[in-house]
Amino acid sequence: MTTQNTNQQQNRFLRRSDAAEYVRTRFGFPCSKQWLAKLATTGGGPSYRKASRFPVYAIEDLDAWAQARLSAPMRATGLLADKGGENV
């Protein structure tokens, strides 16, 4: 992939339904357009912009938001993998 193709993909915006599909496919956790709409009003969702009246999401914003939702690696419930098995 060339630098130009990478820049074009990073500057691409997705509509809400496509953004939800992107998160489901790339990160493997549930995400729906309805949930993104709820988060847009209550907070806690990915950053978005408006194209006229339509919300659009940048891929890099979706990636950052999804990564922030993930916990640290764990070996068991309540034990962090990188803490040598310490209780959280």
PDB file of N, CA and C in Angstrom:
ATOM      1  N   MET A   1       0.852  -1.183   0.000  1.00  0.00           N
ATOM      2  CA  MET A   1       0.000   0.000   0.000  1.00  0.00           C
ATOM      3  C   MET A   1       0.889   1.236   0.000  1.00  0.00           C
ATOM      4  N   THR A   2       0.647   2.147  -0.903  1.00  0.00           N
ATOM      5  CA  THR A   2       1.471   3.342  -0.999  1.00  0.00           C
ATOM      6  C   THR A   2       1.052   4.359   0.049  1.00  0.00           C
ATOM      7  N   THR A   3       1.920   5.331   0.246  1.00  0.00           N
ATOM      8  CA  THR A   3       1.617   6.396   1.204  1.00  0.00           C
ATOM      9  C   THR A   3       0.372   7.160   0.778  1.00  0.00           C
ATOM     10  N   GLN A   4       0.223   7.382  -0.534  1.00  0.00           N
ATOM     11  CA  GLN A   4      -0.955   8.099  -1.033  1.00  0.00           C
ATOM     12  C   GLN A   4      -2.231   7.318  -0.726  1.00  0.00           C
ATOM     13  N   ASN A   5      -2.239   6.000  -0.944  1.00  0.00           N
ATOM     14  CA  ASN A   5      -3.416   5.188  -0.631  1.00  0.00           C
ATOM     15  C   ASN A   5      -3.716   5.204   0.852  1.00  0.00           C
ATOM     16  N   THR A   6      -2.665   5.154   1.689  1.00  0.00           N
ATOM     17  CA  THR A   6      -2.855   5.198   3.138  1.00  0.00           C
ATOM     18  C   THR A   6      -3.473   6.525   3.546  1.00  0.00           C
ATOM     19  N   ASN A   7      -2.970   7.631   2.991  1.00  0.00           N
ATOM     20  CA  ASN A   7      -3.524   8.952   3.317  1.00  0.00           C
ATOM     21  C   ASN A   7      -4.967   9.080   2.858  1.00  0.00           C
ATOM     22  N   GLN A   8      -5.291   8.524   1.683  1.00  0.00           N
ATOM     23  CA  GLN A   8      -6.662   8.591   1.198  1.00  0.00           C
ATOM     24  C   GLN A   8      -7.594   7.817   2.115  1.00  0.00           C
ATOM     25  N   GLN A   9      -7.158   6.649   2.598  1.00  0.00           N
ATOM     26  CA  GLN A   9      -7.997   5.862   3.490  1.00  0.00           C
ATOM     27  C   GLN A   9      -8.187   6.590   4.819  1.00  0.00           C
ATOM     28  N   GLN A  10      -7.127   7.226   5.332  1.00  0.00           N
ATOM     29  CA  GLN A  10      -7.243   7.923   6.606  1.00  0.00           C
ATOM     30  C   GLN A  10      -8.141   9.147   6.499  1.00  0.00           C
ATOM     31  N   ASN A  11      -8.211   9.769   5.338  1.00  0.00           N
ATOM     32  CA  ASN A  11      -9.045  10.948   5.156  1.00  0.00           C
ATOM     33  C   ASN A  11     -10.466  10.591   4.730  1.00  0.00           C
ATOM     34  N   ARG A  12     -10.772   9.326   4.645  1.00  0.00           N
ATOM     35  CA  ARG A  12     -12.097   8.885   4.223  1.00  0.00           C
ATOM     36  C   ARG A  12     -13.067   8.967   5.396  1.00  0.00           C
ATOM     37  N   PHE A  13     -14.282   9.389   5.100  1.00  0.00           N
ATOM     38  CA  PHE A  13     -15.319   9.466   6.120  1.00  0.00           C
ATOM     39  C   PHE A  13     -16.388   8.420   5.837  1.00  0.00           C
ATOM     40  N   LEU A  14     -16.928   7.854   6.903  1.00  0.00           N
ATOM     41  CA  LEU A  14     -17.957   6.823   6.786  1.00  0.00           C
ATOM     42  C   LEU A  14     -19.255   7.332   7.393  1.00  0.00           C
ATOM     43  N   ARG A  15     -20.362   7.017   6.749  1.00  0.00           N
ATOM     44  CA  ARG A  15     -21.672   7.291   7.332  1.00  0.00           C
ATOM     45  C   ARG A  15     -21.856   6.379   8.532  1.00  0.00           C
ATOM     46  N   ARG A  16     -22.852   6.649   9.345  1.00  0.00           N
ATOM     47  CA  ARG A  16     -23.016   5.949  10.625  1.00  0.00           C
ATOM     48  C   ARG A  16     -23.151   4.431  10.474  1.00  0.00           C
ATOM     49  N   SER A  17     -23.939   3.956   9.516  1.00  0.00           N
ATOM     50  CA  SER A  17     -24.101   2.506   9.358  1.00  0.00           C
ATOM     51  C   SER A  17     -22.794   1.858   8.904  1.00  0.00           C
ATOM     52  N   ASP A  18     -22.060   2.528   8.025  1.00  0.00           N
ATOM     53  CA  ASP A  18     -20.767   2.000   7.581  1.00  0.00           C
ATOM     54  C   ASP A  18     -19.737   2.051   8.700  1.00  0.00           C
ATOM     55  N   ALA A  19     -19.803   3.073   9.531  1.00  0.00           N
ATOM     56  CA  ALA A  19     -18.889   3.178  10.674  1.00  0.00           C
ATOM     57  C   ALA A  19     -19.125   2.031  11.650  1.00  0.00           C
ATOM     58  N   ALA A  20     -20.377   1.708  11.910  1.00  0.00           N
ATOM     59  CA  ALA A  20     -20.690   0.590  12.810  1.00  0.00           C
ATOM     60  C   ALA A  20     -20.178  -0.722  12.232  1.00  0.00           C
ATOM     61  N   GLU A  21     -20.371  -0.922  10.949  1.00  0.00           N
ATOM     62  CA  GLU A  21     -19.877  -2.132  10.279  1.00  0.00           C
ATOM     63  C   GLU A  21     -18.356  -2.201  10.336  1.00  0.00           C
ATOM     64  N   TYR A  22     -17.700  -1.078  10.151  1.00  0.00           N
ATOM     65  CA  TYR A  22     -16.240  -1.017  10.223  1.00  0.00           C
ATOM     66  C   TYR A  22     -15.742  -1.465  11.600  1.00  0.00           C
ATOM     67  N   VAL A  23     -16.352  -0.939  12.660  1.00  0.00           N
ATOM     68  CA  VAL A  23     -15.939  -1.307  14.022  1.00  0.00           C
ATOM     69  C   VAL A  23     -16.195  -2.789  14.270  1.00  0.00           C
ATOM     70  N   ARG A  24     -17.357  -3.298  13.861  1.00  0.00           N
ATOM     71  CA  ARG A  24     -17.656  -4.725  14.043  1.00  0.00           C
ATOM     72  C   ARG A  24     -16.638  -5.603  13.314  1.00  0.00           C
ATOM     73  N   THR A  25     -16.321  -5.238  12.082  1.00  0.00           N
ATOM     74  CA  THR A  25     -15.420  -6.049  11.268  1.00  0.00           C
ATOM     75  C   THR A  25     -13.971  -5.951  11.740  1.00  0.00           C
ATOM     76  N   ARG A  26     -13.515  -4.755  11.994  1.00  0.00           N
ATOM     77  CA  ARG A  26     -12.102  -4.558  12.343  1.00  0.00           C
ATOM     78  C   ARG A  26     -11.776  -4.986  13.763  1.00  0.00           C
ATOM     79  N   PHE A  27     -12.679  -4.701  14.719  1.00  0.00           N
ATOM     80  CA  PHE A  27     -12.363  -4.947  16.121  1.00  0.00           C
ATOM     81  C   PHE A  27     -13.123  -6.121  16.723  1.00  0.00           C
ATOM     82  N   GLY A  28     -14.172  -6.574  16.056  1.00  0.00           N
ATOM     83  CA  GLY A  28     -14.862  -7.772  16.489  1.00  0.00           C
ATOM     84  C   GLY A  28     -15.759  -7.616  17.697  1.00  0.00           C
ATOM     85  N   PHE A  29     -16.147  -6.396  18.031  1.00  0.00           N
ATOM     86  CA  PHE A  29     -17.134  -6.267  19.092  1.00  0.00           C
ATOM     87  C   PHE A  29     -18.382  -5.577  18.575  1.00  0.00           C
ATOM     88  N   PRO A  30     -19.501  -5.786  19.278  1.00  0.00           N
ATOM     89  CA  PRO A  30     -20.790  -5.267  18.787  1.00  0.00           C
ATOM     90  C   PRO A  30     -20.787  -3.751  18.633  1.00  0.00           C
ATOM     91  N   CYS A  31     -21.372  -3.299  17.561  1.00  0.00           N
ATOM     92  CA  CYS A  31     -21.530  -1.869  17.311  1.00  0.00           C
ATOM     93  C   CYS A  31     -22.634  -1.722  16.280  1.00  0.00           C
ATOM     94  N   SER A  32     -23.613  -0.894  16.568  1.00  0.00           N
ATOM     95  CA  SER A  32     -24.704  -0.662  15.618  1.00  0.00           C
ATOM     96  C   SER A  32     -24.835   0.832  15.353  1.00  0.00           C
ATOM     97  N   LYS A  33     -25.496   1.157  14.251  1.00  0.00           N
ATOM     98  CA  LYS A  33     -25.696   2.574  13.952  1.00  0.00           C
ATOM     99  C   LYS A  33     -26.579   3.244  15.007  1.00  0.00           C
ATOM    100  N   GLN A  34     -27.512   2.471  15.603  1.00  0.00           N
ATOM    101  CA  GLN A  34     -28.358   3.025  16.654  1.00  0.00           C
ATOM    102  C   GLN A  34     -27.546   3.358  17.906  1.00  0.00           C
ATOM    103  N   TRP A  35     -26.583   2.503  18.215  1.00  0.00           N
ATOM    104  CA  TRP A  35     -25.749   2.735  19.391  1.00  0.00           C
ATOM    105  C   TRP A  35     -24.855   3.957  19.164  1.00  0.00           C
ATOM    106  N   LEU A  36     -24.291   4.081  17.958  1.00  0.00           N
ATOM    107  CA  LEU A  36     -23.492   5.265  17.657  1.00  0.00           C
ATOM    108  C   LEU A  36     -24.340   6.530  17.724  1.00  0.00           C
ATOM    109  N   ALA A  37     -25.601   6.450  17.285  1.00  0.00           N
ATOM    110  CA  ALA A  37     -26.504   7.604  17.365  1.00  0.00           C
ATOM    111  C   ALA A  37     -26.766   7.968  18.820  1.00  0.00           C
ATOM    112  N   LYS A  38     -26.977   6.976  19.669  1.00  0.00           N
ATOM    113  CA  LYS A  38     -27.208   7.237  21.092  1.00  0.00           C
ATOM    114  C   LYS A  38     -25.976   7.888  21.720  1.00  0.00           C
ATOM    115  N   LEU A  39     -24.795   7.338  21.400  1.00  0.00           N
ATOM    116  CA  LEU A  39     -23.568   7.902  21.960  1.00  0.00           C
ATOM    117  C   LEU A  39     -23.308   9.315  21.469  1.00  0.00           C
ATOM    118  N   ALA A  40     -23.780   9.629  20.267  1.00  0.00           N
ATOM    119  CA  ALA A  40     -23.615  10.989  19.739  1.00  0.00           C
ATOM    120  C   ALA A  40     -24.424  11.996  20.549  1.00  0.00           C
ATOM    121  N   THR A  41     -25.501  11.545  21.183  1.00  0.00           N
ATOM    122  CA  THR A  41     -26.312  12.462  21.993  1.00  0.00           C
ATOM    123  C   THR A  41     -25.945  12.427  23.470  1.00  0.00           C
ATOM    124  N   THR A  42     -25.525  11.259  23.965  1.00  0.00           N
ATOM    125  CA  THR A  42     -25.225  11.137  25.400  1.00  0.00           C
ATOM    126  C   THR A  42     -23.745  11.281  25.715  1.00  0.00           C
ATOM    127  N   GLY A  43     -22.890  11.122  24.720  1.00  0.00           N
ATOM    128  CA  GLY A  43     -21.451  11.206  24.931  1.00  0.00           C
ATOM    129  C   GLY A  43     -20.830   9.827  25.064  1.00  0.00           C
ATOM    130  N   GLY A  44     -19.523   9.784  24.912  1.00  0.00           N
ATOM    131  CA  GLY A  44     -18.802   8.535  25.053  1.00  0.00           C
ATOM    132  C   GLY A  44     -18.523   7.819  23.750  1.00  0.00           C
ATOM    133  N   GLY A  45     -19.000   8.365  22.648  1.00  0.00           N
ATOM    134  CA  GLY A  45     -18.784   7.732  21.358  1.00  0.00           C
ATOM    135  C   GLY A  45     -17.590   8.324  20.635  1.00  0.00           C
ATOM    136  N   PRO A  46     -17.328   7.839  19.440  1.00  0.00           N
ATOM    137  CA  PRO A  46     -16.224   8.385  18.650  1.00  0.00           C
ATOM    138  C   PRO A  46     -16.553   9.797  18.165  1.00  0.00           C
ATOM    139  N   SER A  47     -15.509  10.569  17.917  1.00  0.00           N
ATOM    140  CA  SER A  47     -15.697  11.901  17.349  1.00  0.00           C
ATOM    141  C   SER A  47     -16.316  11.770  15.969  1.00  0.00           C
ATOM    142  N   TYR A  48     -17.150  12.720  15.623  1.00  0.00           N
ATOM    143  CA  TYR A  48     -17.757  12.727  14.288  1.00  0.00           C
ATOM    144  C   TYR A  48     -17.884  14.149  13.793  1.00  0.00           C
ATOM    145  N   ARG A  49     -18.138  14.270  12.538  1.00  0.00           N
ATOM    146  CA  ARG A  49     -18.348  15.567  11.905  1.00  0.00           C
ATOM    147  C   ARG A  49     -19.697  15.525  11.203  1.00  0.00           C
ATOM    148  N   LYS A  50     -20.160  16.676  10.773  1.00  0.00           N
ATOM    149  CA  LYS A  50     -21.406  16.727  10.021  1.00  0.00           C
ATOM    150  C   LYS A  50     -21.088  17.126   8.585  1.00  0.00           C
ATOM    151  N   ALA A  51     -21.635  16.371   7.652  1.00  0.00           N
ATOM    152  CA  ALA A  51     -21.593  16.720   6.242  1.00  0.00           C
ATOM    153  C   ALA A  51     -23.030  17.080   5.898  1.00  0.00           C
ATOM    154  N   SER A  52     -23.309  18.359   5.911  1.00  0.00           N
ATOM    155  CA  SER A  52     -24.678  18.848   5.810  1.00  0.00           C
ATOM    156  C   SER A  52     -25.401  18.383   7.067  1.00  0.00           C
ATOM    157  N   ARG A  53     -26.413  17.554   6.936  1.00  0.00           N
ATOM    158  CA  ARG A  53     -27.117  17.073   8.128  1.00  0.00           C
ATOM    159  C   ARG A  53     -26.721  15.653   8.510  1.00  0.00           C
ATOM    160  N   PHE A  54     -25.751  15.096   7.795  1.00  0.00           N
ATOM    161  CA  PHE A  54     -25.371  13.708   8.001  1.00  0.00           C
ATOM    162  C   PHE A  54     -24.111  13.593   8.857  1.00  0.00           C
ATOM    163  N   PRO A  55     -24.160  12.788   9.932  1.00  0.00           N
ATOM    164  CA  PRO A  55     -22.941  12.559  10.704  1.00  0.00           C
ATOM    165  C   PRO A  55     -22.009  11.621   9.946  1.00  0.00           C
ATOM    166  N   VAL A  56     -20.727  11.962   9.936  1.00  0.00           N
ATOM    167  CA  VAL A  56     -19.722  11.124   9.294  1.00  0.00           C
ATOM    168  C   VAL A  56     -18.557  10.938  10.254  1.00  0.00           C
ATOM    169  N   TYR A  57     -17.929   9.786  10.164  1.00  0.00           N
ATOM    170  CA  TYR A  57     -16.862   9.396  11.079  1.00  0.00           C
ATOM    171  C   TYR A  57     -15.572   9.164  10.300  1.00  0.00           C
ATOM    172  N   ALA A  58     -14.472   9.737  10.783  1.00  0.00           N
ATOM    173  CA  ALA A  58     -13.159   9.478  10.193  1.00  0.00           C
ATOM    174  C   ALA A  58     -12.665   8.125  10.697  1.00  0.00           C
ATOM    175  N   ILE A  59     -12.014   7.380   9.842  1.00  0.00           N
ATOM    176  CA  ILE A  59     -11.533   6.056  10.215  1.00  0.00           C
ATOM    177  C   ILE A  59     -10.575   6.132  11.398  1.00  0.00           C
ATOM    178  N   GLU A  60      -9.679   7.120  11.403  1.00  0.00           N
ATOM    179  CA  GLU A  60      -8.728   7.226  12.520  1.00  0.00           C
ATOM    180  C   GLU A  60      -9.439   7.515  13.846  1.00  0.00           C
ATOM    181  N   ASP A  61     -10.562   8.242  13.811  1.00  0.00           N
ATOM    182  CA  ASP A  61     -11.335   8.487  15.033  1.00  0.00           C
ATOM    183  C   ASP A  61     -12.016   7.207  15.520  1.00  0.00           C
ATOM    184  N   LEU A  62     -12.525   6.405  14.591  1.00  0.00           N
ATOM    185  CA  LEU A  62     -13.131   5.119  14.962  1.00  0.00           C
ATOM    186  C   LEU A  62     -12.082   4.187  15.569  1.00  0.00           C
ATOM    187  N   ASP A  63     -10.897   4.150  14.948  1.00  0.00           N
ATOM    188  CA  ASP A  63      -9.823   3.304  15.472  1.00  0.00           C
ATOM    189  C   ASP A  63      -9.423   3.716  16.886  1.00  0.00           C
ATOM    190  N   ALA A  64      -9.244   5.012  17.104  1.00  0.00           N
ATOM    191  CA  ALA A  64      -8.838   5.507  18.417  1.00  0.00           C
ATOM    192  C   ALA A  64      -9.902   5.205  19.468  1.00  0.00           C
ATOM    193  N   TRP A  65     -11.154   5.408  19.131  1.00  0.00           N
ATOM    194  CA  TRP A  65     -12.247   5.155  20.073  1.00  0.00           C
ATOM    195  C   TRP A  65     -12.333   3.677  20.424  1.00  0.00           C
ATOM    196  N   ALA A  66     -12.260   2.822  19.408  1.00  0.00           N
ATOM    197  CA  ALA A  66     -12.354   1.375  19.650  1.00  0.00           C
ATOM    198  C   ALA A  66     -11.172   0.883  20.480  1.00  0.00           C
ATOM    199  N   GLN A  67      -9.975   1.357  20.195  1.00  0.00           N
ATOM    200  CA  GLN A  67      -8.800   0.964  20.975  1.00  0.00           C
ATOM    201  C   GLN A  67      -8.950   1.396  22.432  1.00  0.00           C
ATOM    202  N   ALA A  68      -9.509   2.583  22.665  1.00  0.00           N
ATOM    203  CA  ALA A  68      -9.687   3.083  24.034  1.00  0.00           C
ATOM    204  C   ALA A  68     -10.693   2.249  24.822  1.00  0.00           C
ATOM    205  N   ARG A  69     -11.595   1.568  24.132  1.00  0.00           N
ATOM    206  CA  ARG A  69     -12.597   0.736  24.812  1.00  0.00           C
ATOM    207  C   ARG A  69     -12.025  -0.594  25.285  1.00  0.00           C
ATOM    208  N   LEU A  70     -10.894  -0.997  24.735  1.00  0.00           N
ATOM    209  CA  LEU A  70     -10.309  -2.291  25.083  1.00  0.00           C
ATOM    210  C   LEU A  70      -9.543  -2.198  26.397  1.00  0.00           C
ATOM    211  N   SER A  71      -9.654  -3.239  27.208  1.00  0.00           N
ATOM    212  CA  SER A  71      -8.925  -3.273  28.470  1.00  0.00           C
ATOM    213  C   SER A  71      -7.500  -3.741  28.223  1.00  0.00           C
ATOM    214  N   ALA A  72      -6.720  -3.706  29.270  1.00  0.00           N
ATOM    215  CA  ALA A  72      -5.383  -4.295  29.225  1.00  0.00           C
ATOM    216  C   ALA A  72      -5.537  -5.812  29.120  1.00  0.00           C
ATOM    217  N   PRO A  73      -4.509  -6.506  28.619  1.00  0.00           N
ATOM    218  CA  PRO A  73      -4.592  -7.972  28.540  1.00  0.00           C
ATOM    219  C   PRO A  73      -4.831  -8.580  29.920  1.00  0.00           C
ATOM    220  N   MET A  74      -5.656  -9.639  29.974  1.00  0.00           N
ATOM    221  CA  MET A  74      -5.996 -10.289  31.243  1.00  0.00           C
ATOM    222  C   MET A  74      -5.820 -11.794  31.105  1.00  0.00           C
ATOM    223  N   ARG A  75      -5.399 -12.437  32.177  1.00  0.00           N
ATOM    224  CA  ARG A  75      -5.279 -13.889  32.194  1.00  0.00           C
ATOM    225  C   ARG A  75      -6.511 -14.520  32.832  1.00  0.00           C
ATOM    226  N   ALA A  76      -7.174 -13.789  33.698  1.00  0.00           N
ATOM    227  CA  ALA A  76      -8.392 -14.252  34.356  1.00  0.00           C
ATOM    228  C   ALA A  76      -9.174 -13.021  34.780  1.00  0.00           C
ATOM    229  N   THR A  77     -10.419 -13.194  35.085  1.00  0.00           N
ATOM    230  CA  THR A  77     -11.242 -12.074  35.509  1.00  0.00           C
ATOM    231  C   THR A  77     -10.601 -11.399  36.711  1.00  0.00           C
ATOM    232  N   GLY A  78     -10.332 -10.115  36.586  1.00  0.00           N
ATOM    233  CA  GLY A  78      -9.766  -9.352  37.687  1.00  0.00           C
ATOM    234  C   GLY A  78      -8.262  -9.420  37.793  1.00  0.00           C
ATOM    235  N   LEU A  79      -7.585 -10.160  36.912  1.00  0.00           N
ATOM    236  CA  LEU A  79      -6.127 -10.243  36.940  1.00  0.00           C
ATOM    237  C   LEU A  79      -5.566  -9.688  35.637  1.00  0.00           C
ATOM    238  N   LEU A  80      -4.682  -8.700  35.736  1.00  0.00           N
ATOM    239  CA  LEU A  80      -4.062  -8.150  34.545  1.00  0.00           C
ATOM    240  C   LEU A  80      -2.861  -8.991  34.164  1.00  0.00           C
ATOM    241  N   ALA A  81      -2.698  -9.283  32.896  1.00  0.00           N
ATOM    242  CA  ALA A  81      -1.608 -10.134  32.420  1.00  0.00           C
ATOM    243  C   ALA A  81      -0.248  -9.480  32.628  1.00  0.00           C
ATOM    244  N   ASP A  82      -0.145  -8.158  32.413  1.00  0.00           N
ATOM    245  CA  ASP A  82       1.159  -7.510  32.506  1.00  0.00           C
ATOM    246  C   ASP A  82       1.542  -7.137  33.942  1.00  0.00           C
ATOM    247  N   LYS A  83       0.697  -7.416  34.912  1.00  0.00           N
ATOM    248  CA  LYS A  83       1.008  -7.106  36.309  1.00  0.00           C
ATOM    249  C   LYS A  83       1.458  -8.351  37.066  1.00  0.00           C
ATOM    250  N   GLY A  84       1.770  -9.425  36.349  1.00  0.00           N
ATOM    251  CA  GLY A  84       2.226 -10.642  37.010  1.00  0.00           C
ATOM    252  C   GLY A  84       1.152 -11.312  37.831  1.00  0.00           C
ATOM    253  N   GLY A  85      -0.109 -11.139  37.456  1.00  0.00           N
ATOM    254  CA  GLY A  85      -1.195 -11.798  38.151  1.00  0.00           C
ATOM    255  C   GLY A  85      -1.709 -11.038  39.360  1.00  0.00           C
ATOM    256  N   GLU A  86      -1.328  -9.758  39.474  1.00  0.00           N
ATOM    257  CA  GLU A  86      -1.830  -8.960  40.600  1.00  0.00           C
ATOM    258  C   GLU A  86      -3.326  -8.739  40.453  1.00  0.00           C
ATOM    259  N   ASN A  87      -4.009  -8.670  41.583  1.00  0.00           N
ATOM    260  CA  ASN A  87      -5.431  -8.329  41.559  1.00  0.00           C
ATOM    261  C   ASN A  87      -5.591  -6.876  41.177  1.00  0.00           C
ATOM    262  N   VAL A  88      -6.651  -6.581  40.480  1.00  0.00           N
ATOM    263  CA  VAL A  88      -6.926  -5.211  40.056  1.00  0.00           C
ATOM    264  C   VAL A  88      -7.776  -4.537  41.095  1.00  0.00           C
TER     265      VAL A  88
END
